[in-house]
Amino acid sequence: MNQEEFEITRSLQLEDESSNSSPQSALSLHYSVAMPEPESHLFEVTLRVKGWKASTLDLKMPVWTPGSYLVREYSRHLQNFKSELPWQKLAKNYYQIQTQGKDTIEVRYQIFANELTVRTNHLDENHGYFNGAALFFYIPGFEKQPIRVTIVPPRAEWKVVTALSELGTNTFEAKDFDTLVDSPFEIGQHQVCSFEVLGKSHQFVVWGEGKIDIDRIIQDTKKVIEVEAEMFGGLPYDRYFFLLHLTANSFGGLEHKDCCSLIYSRLGFRAKEKYDRFIQLVAHEFFHLWNVKRIRPKALEIFDYDGENYTPSLWFSEGTTSFYDLAFPYRAGVYDAKAYLNALGQEISRYLNTPGRLVQPLSESSFDAWIKLYRPDANSANSQISYYLKGEMVTLLLDLGIRIKHQNQRSFDDVMRIMWQQFGKDEIGFTPEQLKTTIESVAGFDLTNFFDRYLHGTEELPFDEYLAGFGLRLKSNADSPNLSPLTGMTVKSEGGREMIKFVEAGSPAQKAAIDPGDELLAIDGLRVGSGQFEERLKDYQPGDTITVTVFHGDELKERSLILGQPRATSYSIDFIENPSTAQQQNFEKWLGVPLASIAR
């Protein structure tokens, strides 16, 4: 018996001893997770079910994980499923065991883990990280059963961090399968930095090489926690940790009730703008512990791990969270009002440069997350809009509208507080109708027309109408002399080749039969070198016809393209000349600083 087998056997013996010495429920579930050869990227998983009474045992692996709305087919990474009892595979993620009258069943399997994202599993010679949905089976009908997990590290110096309660050395318990899914594990030699906020314990758990100012990060995170907790009247947990993976060039986060997983570029902390983006990521995932982990749509009140869980309300769960991930660092003093308005301008620029905003309604974007947002293709920007992005924009307009209506005595903050009291505290799922009614109760007017136009329709969002009350307006670079004539295609250098990555629907490029994936070679017979595309266009005027030479697959093609009028590519929030006293007062009550102090 090797060390791994000894540890697993001993953990199961301890379980038996515990079950014999204290009252427990009839069914006992215990997972052991070993990684004897981490460089193989294989987690070795053992499940022991004790107290089973039926003639068959059904095991299913989730196809998705809450917070990431895509069927990811986690079972595709499962291999070498074994049981001493007869078994068969009934579906892609479904195994059935014939128990033959035995009340103790043991199964073993391996999970290949070599995808380092916040929603998958990763194991190498340096650490192990996994999400419960991507590693563990559930037993249909027994999702509320407590589950124990014992971790068997490959080396003594590897430590374990998880949000689950620890029963003994490297043995933890989840009260049910939802909690197990909601509690990622980090195993290895990570840096742990503890701090306290509002009397609650917090940690930053950092894995990966990188020179970061962890003290600065902790101080700014403390401020963000405080301003978010202020909105809801406290923190709904005893302990919380931020798991940070440092990599070459990654960005992302996944929320959990008592922790979050973050992944960020190890070099992304030097420039102030990139550092601020990281704090925005922290603010976003932390805000989720209220919005979506506890305040969640009815469709997500009870998770169905076997397929899609449809809701039109992700614009609120994710988009509203995106609105606040800019606002909270500002309120916390991480950056000033000018930087906040600049960040808003950048988000508005992203939105107005997405043609799909005029094609896909926001509620449909939420509903179709499962087939669209996480599966972008060359036409995505033409046909869809992110519920993160447009949800953020709609929340901005609602917040400004509520503030104007009530002289800044109310805001969208009040919506969040009511949603917390009515739905979040007791984790009661809300319907789209209940969400609308709650927003209307704060706004003080009927929002049917607003929702029909901007959530369920595709009308342009009236930014200037809502900004005007605060002495602001939207300014574009449409009149800039540096803008090139319009082609409607995006070109990027890849491995020494100029590749056409996107072609806007109805644009000159599309009318010229140019496709995404074409390789751009020349304009009017002259080669286009690396990064020269936009510069070359400045030699022409709108209405000129140019010959574009491309490789379309392996065919050399010449396309005749008529250049269009230049179009704005960026937007910023600017100041109205001679703002009224009321506009100045509204601005100061909104952001807490005089309009004149940043209008200079």
Foldseek 3Di string as FASTA:
>chain_A
DDPLVVVVVVVVVVVVVVCVPDPDPQKAWEKEWECQALAQQKIKIKIKIARDADQKFKWFFFQFAPQQFARNLLLVQKDDKDWPFDKDADDSGMIMGGCVRHRMTMIIIMGRAPDDDQGAWHTRPAKTKGALSNPGIDTPPQQQAKYKYAYDYNDPQKAKDKPFDAPDGRMGMDRGNSRSRQIMMIIHNWDWDWDDAPRAIEIETEDDDADDPVVVVVVLLNLLVVVLCVLQVHQPDRYAYEYEYEDQADFDKGAGLRYIYTYHHRPQCPDLVSVLVVQLRSSLRVNLNQQPNQLNAQLVLPDDSHDGRFFLPVLCSQQVSNLVSLVSSQVSVSDHPQVSQQVVQFLVLVVVPQLQLQADASSVLRRCSHPADVDDAQCNSNNHDHSNSLSNVLQVLLQLLLCVQVVNPAGCSQLSNVSCVPDRVVRRHHHPVRSQVSSCVSSVDHCPVVCVPHRVHRDDDPVQVSLVLQQKGKDFCLVPLLFFFDQQWDWADDPFWTFTRYHHPPGQPVVQVHDGGKTWADKQPHGQGHPCVRVVRNVDDQQDWIWTWTCPPPDIDTTIGGTHRGDTNGMGMAGHPPRDPSSQSSNCSVSVDGPVVPND
